[in-house]
Amino acid sequence: MNIIQAIILGLIQGLTEFLPVSSSGHLVLAGALLGVNAGEGDASYVAFEVLLHLGSLCAIAIVFGRDILKLAFP
């Protein structure tokens, strides 16, 4: 996977995460179209997808962190 393909997949993850559609499904489809989805046995691609989802989780925690804390500790 080259840097352009990684950026495209990152943009797809970021744009589809908050839509009521599967961002994981879009990553699989885009990876297949870009030719980077080498199959289920490719550990490096799976690790990249996990990092994309972790990035989304971090962004959510940053944006909604105060609200989450208010709900957890009223």
C-alpha atoms as a PDB file:
ATOM      1  CA  MET A   1       0.000   0.000   0.000  1.00  0.00           C
ATOM      2  CA  ASN A   2       1.369   3.388  -0.900  1.00  0.00           C
ATOM      3  CA  ILE A   3       0.747   6.711   0.842  1.00  0.00           C
ATOM      4  CA  ILE A   4      -1.961   7.839  -1.619  1.00  0.00           C
ATOM      5  CA  GLN A   5      -3.948   4.642  -1.037  1.00  0.00           C
ATOM      6  CA  ALA A   6      -3.574   5.075   2.733  1.00  0.00           C
ATOM      7  CA  ILE A   7      -4.804   8.672   2.536  1.00  0.00           C
ATOM      8  CA  ILE A   8      -7.798   7.638   0.428  1.00  0.00           C
ATOM      9  CA  LEU A   9      -8.726   4.910   2.900  1.00  0.00           C
ATOM     10  CA  GLY A  10      -8.303   7.341   5.803  1.00  0.00           C
ATOM     11  CA  LEU A  11     -10.593   9.852   4.138  1.00  0.00           C
ATOM     12  CA  ILE A  12     -13.204   7.181   3.480  1.00  0.00           C
ATOM     13  CA  GLN A  13     -13.063   6.110   7.127  1.00  0.00           C
ATOM     14  CA  GLY A  14     -13.356   9.678   8.347  1.00  0.00           C
ATOM     15  CA  LEU A  15     -16.234  10.578   6.055  1.00  0.00           C
ATOM     16  CA  THR A  16     -18.301   7.426   6.597  1.00  0.00           C
ATOM     17  CA  GLU A  17     -17.770   6.944  10.343  1.00  0.00           C
ATOM     18  CA  PHE A  18     -20.614   9.234  11.357  1.00  0.00           C
ATOM     19  CA  LEU A  19     -23.008   8.227   8.589  1.00  0.00           C
ATOM     20  CA  PRO A  20     -25.569   5.501   9.254  1.00  0.00           C
ATOM     21  CA  VAL A  21     -23.648   3.110   6.991  1.00  0.00           C
ATOM     22  CA  SER A  22     -20.840   0.659   7.652  1.00  0.00           C
ATOM     23  CA  SER A  23     -17.493   2.413   7.533  1.00  0.00           C
ATOM     24  CA  SER A  24     -15.832  -1.005   7.762  1.00  0.00           C
ATOM     25  CA  GLY A  25     -17.733  -2.148   4.708  1.00  0.00           C
ATOM     26  CA  HIS A  26     -16.612   0.912   2.802  1.00  0.00           C
ATOM     27  CA  LEU A  27     -13.002   0.205   3.758  1.00  0.00           C
ATOM     28  CA  VAL A  28     -13.291  -3.336   2.436  1.00  0.00           C
ATOM     29  CA  LEU A  29     -14.840  -2.157  -0.832  1.00  0.00           C
ATOM     30  CA  ALA A  30     -12.365   0.688  -1.302  1.00  0.00           C
ATOM     31  CA  GLY A  31      -9.449  -1.583  -0.438  1.00  0.00           C
ATOM     32  CA  ALA A  32     -10.585  -4.076  -3.052  1.00  0.00           C
ATOM     33  CA  LEU A  33     -10.983  -1.325  -5.657  1.00  0.00           C
ATOM     34  CA  LEU A  34      -7.554   0.107  -4.843  1.00  0.00           C
ATOM     35  CA  GLY A  35      -5.959  -3.330  -4.879  1.00  0.00           C
ATOM     36  CA  VAL A  36      -4.638  -3.116  -1.322  1.00  0.00           C
ATOM     37  CA  ASN A  37      -7.021  -5.591   0.233  1.00  0.00           C
ATOM     38  CA  ALA A  38      -4.832  -8.671   0.052  1.00  0.00           C
ATOM     39  CA  GLY A  39      -7.278 -10.901   1.899  1.00  0.00           C
ATOM     40  CA  GLU A  40      -7.984 -11.947   5.440  1.00  0.00           C
ATOM     41  CA  GLY A  41      -4.492 -13.354   5.931  1.00  0.00           C
ATOM     42  CA  ASP A  42      -2.755 -10.012   5.404  1.00  0.00           C
ATOM     43  CA  ALA A  43      -1.940  -8.923   8.942  1.00  0.00           C
ATOM     44  CA  SER A  44      -0.520  -5.552   7.923  1.00  0.00           C
ATOM     45  CA  TYR A  45      -3.757  -4.500   6.202  1.00  0.00           C
ATOM     46  CA  VAL A  46      -5.836  -5.647   9.176  1.00  0.00           C
ATOM     47  CA  ALA A  47      -3.553  -3.666  11.489  1.00  0.00           C
ATOM     48  CA  PHE A  48      -3.990  -0.607   9.252  1.00  0.00           C
ATOM     49  CA  GLU A  49      -7.786  -0.926   9.441  1.00  0.00           C
ATOM     50  CA  VAL A  50      -7.608  -1.244  13.227  1.00  0.00           C
ATOM     51  CA  LEU A  51      -5.502   1.930  13.377  1.00  0.00           C
ATOM     52  CA  LEU A  52      -8.056   3.752  11.222  1.00  0.00           C
ATOM     53  CA  HIS A  53     -10.817   2.769  13.642  1.00  0.00           C
ATOM     54  CA  LEU A  54      -8.632   3.710  16.611  1.00  0.00           C
ATOM     55  CA  GLY A  55      -8.135   7.131  15.042  1.00  0.00           C
ATOM     56  CA  SER A  56     -11.912   7.518  14.782  1.00  0.00           C
ATOM     57  CA  LEU A  57     -12.280   6.526  18.426  1.00  0.00           C
ATOM     58  CA  CYS A  58      -9.681   9.094  19.485  1.00  0.00           C
ATOM     59  CA  ALA A  59     -11.409  11.819  17.479  1.00  0.00           C
ATOM     60  CA  ILE A  60     -14.749  10.961  19.112  1.00  0.00           C
ATOM     61  CA  ALA A  61     -13.147  11.003  22.564  1.00  0.00           C
ATOM     62  CA  ILE A  62     -11.614  14.422  21.901  1.00  0.00           C
ATOM     63  CA  VAL A  63     -14.775  15.986  20.502  1.00  0.00           C
ATOM     64  CA  PHE A  64     -17.239  14.465  22.975  1.00  0.00           C
ATOM     65  CA  GLY A  65     -14.896  13.916  25.944  1.00  0.00           C
ATOM     66  CA  ARG A  66     -16.541  16.420  28.275  1.00  0.00           C
ATOM     67  CA  ASP A  67     -20.023  15.142  27.467  1.00  0.00           C
ATOM     68  CA  ILE A  68     -18.918  11.542  28.075  1.00  0.00           C
ATOM     69  CA  LEU A  69     -17.400  12.504  31.429  1.00  0.00           C
ATOM     70  CA  LYS A  70     -20.569  14.373  32.432  1.00  0.00           C
ATOM     71  CA  LEU A  71     -22.642  11.271  31.659  1.00  0.00           C
ATOM     72  CA  ALA A  72     -20.236   8.939  33.474  1.00  0.00           C
ATOM     73  CA  PHE A  73     -19.804  11.164  36.551  1.00  0.00           C
ATOM     74  CA  PRO A  74     -22.935  13.293  37.074  1.00  0.00           C
END
